[in-house]
Protein backbone atom coordinates (compact mmCIF):
# COMPACT_ATOMS: atom_id res chain seq x y z
CA UNK A 1 4.89 18.66 0.83
CA UNK A 2 6.65 16.81 3.61
CA UNK A 3 9.97 17.94 5.00
CA UNK A 4 11.40 14.56 3.95
CA UNK A 5 10.98 15.49 0.32
CA UNK A 6 12.34 18.97 0.77
CA UNK A 7 15.50 17.85 2.61
CA UNK A 8 16.43 15.30 -0.12
CA UNK A 9 19.90 15.99 -1.43
CA UNK A 10 20.82 12.98 -3.57
CA UNK A 11 21.58 11.93 -7.08
CA UNK A 12 18.82 11.08 -9.52
CA UNK A 13 18.31 7.31 -9.85
CA UNK A 14 17.61 7.66 -13.59
CA UNK A 15 20.31 9.96 -14.87
CA UNK A 16 22.67 10.52 -11.91
CA UNK A 17 22.23 14.34 -11.80
CA UNK A 18 22.69 15.78 -8.32
CA UNK A 19 19.50 17.39 -7.15
CA UNK A 20 18.07 19.11 -4.12
CA UNK A 21 14.54 19.45 -5.39
CA UNK A 22 11.58 16.98 -5.29
CA UNK A 23 12.10 16.21 -8.99
CA UNK A 24 15.25 15.89 -11.10
CA UNK A 25 15.72 19.01 -13.23
CA UNK A 26 17.19 17.00 -16.10
CA UNK A 27 14.83 14.04 -16.51
CA UNK A 28 11.86 14.76 -14.23
CA UNK A 29 12.21 11.69 -12.02
CA UNK A 30 10.74 12.01 -8.49
CA UNK A 31 13.59 11.99 -5.97
CA UNK A 32 11.50 10.39 -3.15
CA UNK A 33 12.38 6.68 -3.12
CA UNK A 34 10.14 5.55 -0.27
CA UNK A 35 8.76 2.05 -0.62
CA UNK A 36 5.11 1.44 -1.31
CA UNK A 37 3.47 -0.36 1.60
CA UNK A 38 1.16 -3.35 1.35
CA UNK A 39 -1.66 -1.20 2.72
CA UNK A 40 -1.17 1.37 -0.04
CA UNK A 41 -1.20 -1.37 -2.69
CA UNK A 42 -4.46 -2.91 -1.37
CA UNK A 43 -6.03 0.56 -1.08
CA UNK A 44 -5.12 1.44 -4.69
CA UNK A 45 -6.50 -1.92 -5.98
CA UNK A 46 -9.74 -1.53 -4.08
CA UNK A 47 -10.27 2.04 -5.16
CA UNK A 48 -9.76 1.04 -8.85
CA UNK A 49 -11.82 -2.16 -8.65
CA UNK A 50 -14.77 -0.61 -6.85
CA UNK A 51 -14.82 2.72 -8.54
CA UNK A 52 -18.31 3.87 -9.67
CA UNK A 53 -17.54 3.37 -13.33
CA UNK A 54 -15.02 0.55 -12.72
CA UNK A 55 -14.90 -2.68 -14.60
CA UNK A 56 -16.23 -4.79 -11.72
CA UNK A 57 -19.49 -2.88 -11.49
CA UNK A 58 -19.91 -2.89 -15.24
CA UNK A 59 -19.45 -6.68 -15.31
CA UNK A 60 -21.88 -7.21 -12.45
CA UNK A 61 -24.45 -4.96 -14.03
CA UNK A 62 -24.18 -6.80 -17.37
CA UNK A 63 -24.36 -10.20 -15.65
CA UNK A 64 -27.58 -9.24 -13.98
CA UNK A 65 -29.29 -7.26 -16.79
CA UNK A 66 -28.02 -9.09 -19.90
CA UNK A 67 -26.00 -12.22 -19.07
CA UNK A 68 -25.75 -13.39 -22.65
CA UNK A 69 -23.97 -10.19 -23.75
CA UNK A 70 -20.77 -11.11 -21.94
């Protein structure tokens, strides 16, 4: 874990409980509120789209082997 997460001393954004941990002890919300970058978003999309058993590969395989099935 990063030191940024461990030094967090804020109120929970969901329930308002003061917390010093990585997660709220009352509701379980993650206390790290860093923004998701564009690079992370693209990386997540590509890893899901091009996964071995992902929907893109299944569609391509069906289009090649049995185009009428789609």
